[in-house]
Amino acid sequence: MAKTVNIHEAKTHLSALIKEVLAGEKVTIAKNNEPVVELIKIDPKQRERKFGTLKGKIIVHGDFSDSDKEIENLFSESKLFPDEEDSDR
């Protein structure tokens, strides 16, 4: 069964709400009666990170960090705050 509580009630009864979520209850926290977040139980297996799972799936080409002169010029030669007479607006 789903349960919705406003933020004030959630702050006041957080421990009890966590117990309900751990027992399988769905708890939604609302602000001015509009749902904004849900409390969920975290599966420890989902949090586990295994190193090397993307090995061989990502390729970084040798020219990855080479500079692009056109982009460099856009950064170095453009004005951050153009003068009003330079603007068409």
Protein backbone atom coordinates (compact mmCIF):
# COMPACT_ATOMS: atom_id res chain seq x y z
CA MET A 1 0.00 0.00 0.00
CA ALA A 2 1.33 3.46 -0.90
CA LYS A 3 1.62 6.25 1.62
CA THR A 4 2.10 9.97 0.98
CA VAL A 5 3.30 12.40 3.66
CA ASN A 6 4.18 16.07 3.54
CA ILE A 7 7.74 17.21 4.28
CA HIS A 8 7.01 18.36 7.84
CA GLU A 9 5.49 15.01 8.75
CA ALA A 10 8.37 13.18 7.04
CA LYS A 11 10.93 15.13 9.09
CA THR A 12 9.01 14.42 12.28
CA HIS A 13 8.53 10.70 11.62
CA LEU A 14 11.55 9.83 9.44
CA SER A 15 12.63 6.78 11.48
CA ALA A 16 9.15 5.27 11.34
CA LEU A 17 8.88 5.95 7.61
CA ILE A 18 12.23 4.24 7.00
CA LYS A 19 11.02 1.18 8.92
CA GLU A 20 7.90 1.10 6.72
CA VAL A 21 10.00 1.29 3.54
CA LEU A 22 12.26 -1.50 4.78
CA ALA A 23 9.12 -3.57 5.38
CA GLY A 24 8.04 -3.06 1.76
CA GLU A 25 5.81 0.01 2.04
CA LYS A 26 5.98 2.66 -0.71
CA VAL A 27 6.42 6.12 0.82
CA THR A 28 6.14 9.35 -1.18
CA ILE A 29 7.09 12.73 0.28
CA ALA A 30 5.09 15.71 -0.92
CA LYS A 31 5.49 19.47 -0.76
CA ASN A 32 2.19 21.33 -0.48
CA ASN A 33 0.44 18.01 -1.22
CA GLU A 34 2.36 17.62 -4.54
CA PRO A 35 4.56 14.48 -4.65
CA VAL A 36 8.26 15.35 -5.03
CA VAL A 37 10.32 12.31 -3.94
CA GLU A 38 9.95 8.66 -3.02
CA LEU A 39 11.74 6.79 -0.26
CA ILE A 40 13.11 3.50 -1.55
CA LYS A 41 15.07 0.63 -0.09
CA ILE A 42 18.54 0.38 -1.57
CA ASP A 43 19.58 -3.04 -2.77
CA PRO A 44 23.20 -3.54 -1.62
CA LYS A 45 23.93 -5.54 -4.79
CA GLN A 46 23.01 -2.52 -6.92
CA ARG A 47 25.49 -0.33 -5.05
CA GLU A 48 28.36 -2.71 -5.67
CA ARG A 49 30.78 -1.43 -8.29
CA LYS A 50 32.86 -3.85 -10.24
CA PHE A 51 36.03 -2.49 -11.77
CA GLY A 52 36.67 -3.37 -15.37
CA THR A 53 33.07 -3.91 -16.46
CA LEU A 54 33.55 -1.51 -19.40
CA LYS A 55 36.98 -2.82 -20.39
CA GLY A 56 37.14 -3.10 -24.17
CA LYS A 57 33.84 -1.24 -24.64
CA ILE A 58 35.20 2.32 -24.58
CA ILE A 59 37.75 3.50 -27.11
CA VAL A 60 39.66 6.77 -26.70
CA HIS A 61 41.27 7.73 -29.98
CA GLY A 62 44.80 9.12 -30.02
CA ASP A 63 43.65 12.55 -31.19
CA PHE A 64 41.05 12.88 -28.43
CA SER A 65 42.86 15.70 -26.62
CA ASP A 66 44.21 17.44 -29.73
CA SER A 67 43.14 21.05 -29.99
CA ASP A 68 40.73 22.37 -32.60
CA LYS A 69 41.92 25.74 -33.90
CA GLU A 70 38.40 26.92 -34.81
CA ILE A 71 37.11 26.25 -31.31
CA GLU A 72 40.22 27.82 -29.75
CA ASN A 73 39.62 30.96 -31.82
CA LEU A 74 35.98 31.13 -30.75
CA PHE A 75 37.07 31.12 -27.12
CA SER A 76 40.06 33.42 -27.39
CA GLU A 77 38.77 35.98 -29.89
CA SER A 78 35.12 36.39 -28.94
CA LYS A 79 34.01 39.02 -26.43
CA LEU A 80 32.44 37.93 -23.19
CA PHE A 81 30.46 41.16 -22.84
CA PRO A 82 30.16 42.75 -26.28
CA ASP A 83 29.96 46.54 -26.43
CA GLU A 84 26.47 47.89 -27.10
CA GLU A 85 27.56 49.39 -30.46
CA ASP A 86 28.78 45.94 -31.54
CA SER A 87 25.40 44.39 -30.79
CA ASP A 88 22.53 44.41 -33.30
CA ARG A 89 19.91 44.29 -30.54
